[in-house]
N, C-alpha and C. Protein backbone atom coordinates (compact mmCIF):
# COMPACT_ATOMS: atom_id res chain seq x y z
N MET A 1 1.17 17.77 -12.88
CA MET A 1 0.97 16.46 -12.26
C MET A 1 1.55 16.48 -10.80
N LYS A 2 0.86 15.93 -9.88
CA LYS A 2 1.41 15.79 -8.53
C LYS A 2 2.57 14.78 -8.59
N LYS A 3 3.50 15.03 -7.74
CA LYS A 3 4.66 14.10 -7.55
C LYS A 3 4.10 12.73 -6.98
N LEU A 4 4.26 11.69 -7.73
CA LEU A 4 3.74 10.36 -7.32
C LEU A 4 4.79 9.68 -6.51
N LYS A 5 4.30 9.15 -5.41
CA LYS A 5 5.17 8.34 -4.56
C LYS A 5 4.36 7.04 -4.35
N LEU A 6 4.18 6.30 -5.48
CA LEU A 6 3.35 5.07 -5.46
C LEU A 6 4.21 3.99 -6.08
N GLY A 7 4.59 3.10 -5.22
CA GLY A 7 5.44 1.95 -5.68
C GLY A 7 4.52 0.98 -6.51
N ALA A 8 5.24 0.07 -7.20
CA ALA A 8 4.44 -0.85 -8.03
C ALA A 8 3.61 -1.79 -7.15
N PHE A 9 4.07 -2.24 -6.02
CA PHE A 9 3.24 -3.13 -5.18
C PHE A 9 2.06 -2.27 -4.61
N GLU A 10 2.34 -1.04 -4.22
CA GLU A 10 1.26 -0.24 -3.69
C GLU A 10 0.20 0.00 -4.70
N GLU A 11 0.61 0.24 -5.91
CA GLU A 11 -0.36 0.42 -7.06
C GLU A 11 -1.20 -0.76 -7.17
N LEU A 12 -0.61 -1.94 -7.13
CA LEU A 12 -1.45 -3.20 -7.28
C LEU A 12 -2.34 -3.35 -6.14
N VAL A 13 -1.91 -3.03 -4.89
CA VAL A 13 -2.90 -3.15 -3.72
C VAL A 13 -3.97 -2.15 -3.84
N LEU A 14 -3.65 -0.94 -4.28
CA LEU A 14 -4.65 0.08 -4.42
C LEU A 14 -5.65 -0.28 -5.49
N LEU A 15 -5.16 -0.86 -6.63
CA LEU A 15 -6.10 -1.23 -7.69
C LEU A 15 -7.02 -2.40 -7.15
N THR A 16 -6.38 -3.38 -6.50
CA THR A 16 -7.16 -4.56 -6.07
C THR A 16 -8.20 -4.11 -4.96
N THR A 17 -7.85 -3.11 -4.16
CA THR A 17 -8.77 -2.68 -3.09
C THR A 17 -10.00 -2.04 -3.92
N GLY A 18 -9.78 -1.30 -4.88
CA GLY A 18 -10.83 -0.72 -5.68
C GLY A 18 -11.69 -1.76 -6.41
N VAL A 19 -11.03 -2.74 -6.92
CA VAL A 19 -11.76 -3.82 -7.67
C VAL A 19 -12.68 -4.58 -6.69
N LEU A 20 -12.19 -4.86 -5.50
CA LEU A 20 -12.96 -5.69 -4.65
C LEU A 20 -14.06 -4.94 -3.89
N GLN A 21 -14.02 -3.70 -3.99
CA GLN A 21 -15.05 -2.69 -3.42
C GLN A 21 -15.38 -3.12 -1.93
N ASP A 22 -16.68 -3.42 -1.72
CA ASP A 22 -17.03 -3.73 -0.29
C ASP A 22 -16.48 -5.05 0.26
N ASN A 23 -15.74 -5.82 -0.51
CA ASN A 23 -15.28 -7.09 -0.03
C ASN A 23 -13.72 -6.95 0.11
N ALA A 24 -13.21 -5.84 0.32
CA ALA A 24 -11.78 -5.68 0.35
C ALA A 24 -11.24 -5.63 1.81
N TYR A 25 -10.72 -6.71 2.20
CA TYR A 25 -10.07 -6.95 3.44
C TYR A 25 -8.82 -7.73 3.28
N GLY A 26 -7.97 -7.86 4.25
CA GLY A 26 -6.66 -8.48 3.99
C GLY A 26 -6.61 -9.72 3.25
N VAL A 27 -7.46 -10.68 3.66
CA VAL A 27 -7.31 -12.07 2.98
C VAL A 27 -7.77 -11.96 1.50
N THR A 28 -8.89 -11.27 1.20
CA THR A 28 -9.44 -11.26 -0.16
C THR A 28 -8.48 -10.42 -1.05
N ILE A 29 -7.85 -9.39 -0.50
CA ILE A 29 -6.88 -8.63 -1.31
C ILE A 29 -5.65 -9.46 -1.60
N LYS A 30 -5.21 -10.24 -0.63
CA LYS A 30 -4.06 -11.10 -0.78
C LYS A 30 -4.38 -12.19 -1.77
N LEU A 31 -5.54 -12.89 -1.74
CA LEU A 31 -5.85 -13.90 -2.61
C LEU A 31 -6.08 -13.44 -4.09
N GLU A 32 -6.73 -12.25 -4.28
CA GLU A 32 -6.80 -11.67 -5.54
C GLU A 32 -5.40 -11.37 -6.14
N LEU A 33 -4.53 -10.72 -5.39
CA LEU A 33 -3.20 -10.40 -5.85
C LEU A 33 -2.41 -11.68 -6.27
N GLU A 34 -2.49 -12.72 -5.35
CA GLU A 34 -1.84 -13.92 -5.63
C GLU A 34 -2.28 -14.56 -6.92
N GLU A 35 -3.66 -14.45 -7.13
CA GLU A 35 -4.16 -15.07 -8.44
C GLU A 35 -3.63 -14.26 -9.64
N GLN A 36 -3.70 -12.98 -9.53
CA GLN A 36 -3.32 -12.07 -10.62
C GLN A 36 -1.74 -12.22 -10.90
N LEU A 37 -0.96 -12.24 -9.83
CA LEU A 37 0.52 -12.24 -9.98
C LEU A 37 1.07 -13.67 -10.10
N ASN A 38 0.17 -14.65 -9.80
CA ASN A 38 0.66 -16.12 -9.72
C ASN A 38 1.87 -16.22 -8.88
N LYS A 39 1.87 -15.68 -7.77
CA LYS A 39 2.93 -15.79 -6.77
C LYS A 39 2.35 -15.46 -5.29
N SER A 40 3.09 -15.97 -4.36
CA SER A 40 2.61 -15.83 -2.94
C SER A 40 2.94 -14.39 -2.42
N ILE A 41 2.03 -13.92 -1.62
CA ILE A 41 2.13 -12.55 -1.00
C ILE A 41 1.99 -12.72 0.47
N SER A 42 2.92 -12.14 1.28
CA SER A 42 2.75 -12.29 2.70
C SER A 42 1.83 -11.20 3.15
N LEU A 43 1.03 -11.56 4.27
CA LEU A 43 0.09 -10.69 4.78
C LEU A 43 0.78 -9.39 5.43
N GLY A 44 1.97 -9.64 5.87
CA GLY A 44 2.73 -8.52 6.53
C GLY A 44 3.08 -7.42 5.49
N ALA A 45 3.50 -7.95 4.26
CA ALA A 45 3.78 -6.92 3.22
C ALA A 45 2.57 -6.29 2.74
N LEU A 46 1.45 -7.06 2.69
CA LEU A 46 0.17 -6.42 2.23
C LEU A 46 -0.23 -5.44 3.25
N TYR A 47 -0.24 -5.72 4.53
CA TYR A 47 -0.74 -4.67 5.52
C TYR A 47 0.23 -3.51 5.59
N SER A 48 1.50 -3.67 5.41
CA SER A 48 2.45 -2.56 5.39
C SER A 48 2.08 -1.58 4.28
N ALA A 49 1.73 -2.23 3.04
CA ALA A 49 1.34 -1.36 1.92
C ALA A 49 0.05 -0.67 2.24
N LEU A 50 -0.91 -1.41 2.80
CA LEU A 50 -2.18 -0.81 3.13
C LEU A 50 -2.04 0.38 4.13
N GLN A 51 -1.09 0.16 5.09
CA GLN A 51 -0.91 1.22 6.08
C GLN A 51 -0.31 2.52 5.37
N ARG A 52 0.70 2.28 4.47
CA ARG A 52 1.26 3.43 3.71
C ARG A 52 0.14 4.16 2.92
N LEU A 53 -0.63 3.31 2.29
CA LEU A 53 -1.69 3.93 1.47
C LEU A 53 -2.66 4.71 2.33
N GLU A 54 -2.96 4.21 3.42
CA GLU A 54 -3.90 4.86 4.35
C GLU A 54 -3.29 6.17 4.89
N GLU A 55 -1.98 6.15 5.20
CA GLU A 55 -1.24 7.28 5.67
C GLU A 55 -1.27 8.50 4.58
N LYS A 56 -1.24 7.98 3.30
CA LYS A 56 -1.23 8.97 2.18
C LYS A 56 -2.66 9.50 1.90
N GLY A 57 -3.61 8.84 2.49
CA GLY A 57 -5.01 9.21 2.26
C GLY A 57 -5.61 8.63 1.09
N TRP A 58 -4.99 7.55 0.56
CA TRP A 58 -5.49 6.99 -0.69
C TRP A 58 -6.47 5.76 -0.44
N VAL A 59 -6.47 5.24 0.80
CA VAL A 59 -7.49 4.28 1.29
C VAL A 59 -7.93 4.73 2.65
N ASN A 60 -9.11 4.27 2.96
CA ASN A 60 -9.70 4.32 4.34
C ASN A 60 -9.92 2.93 4.76
N SER A 61 -9.96 2.76 6.08
CA SER A 61 -10.27 1.48 6.64
C SER A 61 -11.34 1.60 7.73
N ARG A 62 -12.06 0.46 7.86
CA ARG A 62 -13.14 0.41 8.92
C ARG A 62 -13.12 -1.06 9.41
N ILE A 63 -13.65 -1.16 10.66
CA ILE A 63 -13.69 -2.45 11.30
C ILE A 63 -15.12 -2.94 11.10
N GLY A 64 -15.21 -4.10 10.50
CA GLY A 64 -16.63 -4.67 10.35
C GLY A 64 -17.14 -5.35 11.58
N GLY A 65 -18.43 -5.62 11.53
CA GLY A 65 -19.04 -6.29 12.69
C GLY A 65 -18.76 -7.84 12.76
N ILE A 66 -19.00 -8.38 13.91
CA ILE A 66 -18.74 -9.78 14.10
C ILE A 66 -19.89 -10.62 13.63
N THR A 67 -19.62 -11.62 12.85
CA THR A 67 -20.69 -12.50 12.45
C THR A 67 -20.14 -13.99 12.66
N GLU A 68 -21.07 -14.88 12.72
CA GLU A 68 -20.72 -16.25 13.04
C GLU A 68 -19.81 -16.81 11.84
N LYS A 69 -20.07 -16.35 10.68
CA LYS A 69 -19.27 -16.85 9.54
C LYS A 69 -17.82 -16.49 9.69
N GLN A 70 -17.51 -15.44 10.36
CA GLN A 70 -16.15 -14.98 10.56
C GLN A 70 -15.53 -15.53 11.80
N GLY A 71 -16.13 -16.45 12.49
CA GLY A 71 -15.63 -17.09 13.65
C GLY A 71 -15.47 -16.14 14.84
N GLY A 72 -16.22 -15.12 14.87
CA GLY A 72 -16.21 -14.16 15.98
C GLY A 72 -15.15 -13.18 15.92
N ARG A 73 -14.50 -13.13 14.79
CA ARG A 73 -13.37 -12.10 14.55
C ARG A 73 -13.89 -11.03 13.72
N ARG A 74 -13.45 -9.84 13.94
CA ARG A 74 -13.70 -8.62 13.15
C ARG A 74 -12.66 -8.54 11.98
N LYS A 75 -13.20 -7.98 10.92
CA LYS A 75 -12.33 -7.83 9.78
C LYS A 75 -12.08 -6.24 9.53
N GLN A 76 -10.89 -5.95 9.09
CA GLN A 76 -10.62 -4.60 8.78
C GLN A 76 -10.85 -4.47 7.22
N TYR A 77 -11.82 -3.67 6.89
CA TYR A 77 -12.22 -3.48 5.44
C TYR A 77 -11.46 -2.20 4.97
N PHE A 78 -11.13 -2.24 3.69
CA PHE A 78 -10.49 -1.04 3.13
C PHE A 78 -11.30 -0.52 1.94
N ASP A 79 -11.29 0.77 1.84
CA ASP A 79 -12.03 1.40 0.65
C ASP A 79 -11.02 2.42 0.02
N ILE A 80 -11.06 2.43 -1.28
CA ILE A 80 -10.28 3.49 -2.00
C ILE A 80 -10.95 4.78 -1.83
N THR A 81 -10.08 5.80 -1.58
CA THR A 81 -10.65 7.26 -1.52
C THR A 81 -10.72 7.84 -2.89
N LYS A 82 -11.30 9.15 -2.92
CA LYS A 82 -11.31 9.91 -4.13
C LYS A 82 -9.87 10.19 -4.48
N GLU A 83 -8.99 10.57 -3.51
CA GLU A 83 -7.63 10.89 -3.89
C GLU A 83 -6.91 9.70 -4.33
N GLY A 84 -7.27 8.51 -3.89
CA GLY A 84 -6.68 7.23 -4.35
C GLY A 84 -7.07 6.95 -5.78
N MET A 85 -8.31 7.26 -6.10
CA MET A 85 -8.72 7.05 -7.58
C MET A 85 -8.02 8.11 -8.40
N SER A 86 -7.81 9.30 -7.91
CA SER A 86 -7.20 10.31 -8.64
C SER A 86 -5.71 9.85 -9.00
N ILE A 87 -5.02 9.37 -8.00
CA ILE A 87 -3.64 8.84 -8.22
C ILE A 87 -3.64 7.78 -9.22
N LEU A 88 -4.60 6.82 -9.13
CA LEU A 88 -4.60 5.71 -10.13
C LEU A 88 -4.83 6.23 -11.44
N ASP A 89 -5.76 7.32 -11.60
CA ASP A 89 -5.97 7.90 -12.92
C ASP A 89 -4.73 8.49 -13.42
N GLU A 90 -3.92 9.16 -12.65
CA GLU A 90 -2.67 9.84 -13.12
C GLU A 90 -1.74 8.67 -13.59
N VAL A 91 -1.55 7.70 -12.75
CA VAL A 91 -0.61 6.50 -13.18
C VAL A 91 -1.04 5.89 -14.45
N ARG A 92 -2.38 5.67 -14.66
CA ARG A 92 -2.86 5.11 -15.85
C ARG A 92 -2.64 5.99 -17.04
N ALA A 93 -2.78 7.31 -16.91
CA ALA A 93 -2.50 8.18 -18.04
C ALA A 93 -1.10 8.27 -18.36
N MET A 94 -0.22 8.18 -17.37
CA MET A 94 1.26 8.20 -17.56
C MET A 94 1.67 6.93 -18.36
N ARG A 95 1.16 5.73 -17.87
CA ARG A 95 1.53 4.54 -18.46
C ARG A 95 0.95 4.35 -19.95
N ASN A 96 -0.31 4.92 -20.15
CA ASN A 96 -0.80 4.89 -21.52
C ASN A 96 -0.02 5.78 -22.40
N SER A 97 0.45 6.96 -21.93
CA SER A 97 1.22 7.80 -22.76
C SER A 97 2.55 7.20 -23.15
N LEU A 98 3.13 6.43 -22.32
CA LEU A 98 4.36 5.78 -22.55
C LEU A 98 4.14 4.64 -23.57
N PHE A 99 3.10 3.84 -23.29
CA PHE A 99 2.85 2.68 -24.20
C PHE A 99 2.49 3.27 -25.62
N ASP A 100 1.72 4.39 -25.71
CA ASP A 100 1.49 5.00 -26.99
C ASP A 100 2.65 5.37 -27.73
N ARG A 101 3.74 5.74 -27.03
CA ARG A 101 4.93 6.15 -27.67
C ARG A 101 5.87 5.00 -28.02
N LEU A 102 5.56 3.80 -27.60
CA LEU A 102 6.47 2.63 -27.85
C LEU A 102 6.45 2.28 -29.34
N PRO A 103 7.62 2.29 -29.95
CA PRO A 103 7.61 1.96 -31.39
C PRO A 103 6.97 0.59 -31.75
N GLN A 104 6.28 0.59 -32.90
CA GLN A 104 5.56 -0.61 -33.34
C GLN A 104 6.60 -1.81 -33.41
N ALA A 105 7.80 -1.52 -33.74
CA ALA A 105 8.78 -2.65 -33.97
C ALA A 105 8.99 -3.32 -32.57
N LYS A 106 8.92 -2.59 -31.47
CA LYS A 106 9.12 -3.17 -30.18
C LYS A 106 7.89 -3.98 -29.78
N ILE A 107 6.73 -3.50 -30.14
CA ILE A 107 5.52 -4.19 -29.87
C ILE A 107 5.46 -5.51 -30.63
N ASN A 108 5.96 -5.51 -31.84
CA ASN A 108 5.91 -6.75 -32.65
C ASN A 108 6.86 -7.86 -32.08
N LEU A 109 7.77 -7.43 -31.25
CA LEU A 109 8.61 -8.47 -30.63
C LEU A 109 7.86 -9.41 -29.73
N ILE A 110 6.73 -8.97 -29.16
CA ILE A 110 6.01 -9.86 -28.27
C ILE A 110 4.94 -10.74 -28.96
N LYS A 111 4.69 -10.41 -30.24
CA LYS A 111 3.77 -11.14 -31.02
C LYS A 111 4.36 -12.45 -31.54
N PRO A 112 3.47 -13.58 -31.50
CA PRO A 112 4.09 -14.79 -32.06
C PRO A 112 4.25 -14.77 -33.52
């Protein structure tokens, strides 16, 4: 296994980028994360994470065209790369392995 240097917030940003597919840009990623986490996320923190992910080669970005709907501004869209998907697959496998080893008694603690 490759040495992972993927923080929890970066993992969520990477996952959300993959989920949103062709509609993954700053505001949509932020709104989706806020809905999932039920808390506010700053655009600065989000773009810092996206920049780190891009430097690692796990996302690519492109600038979209200008449309009237966007008020004449261009959007920076993000796409998850093959390497990004590979990292997510490694993280998921590691998490599943740990959850599978969790004793049933501990799992029963969260059941009503």
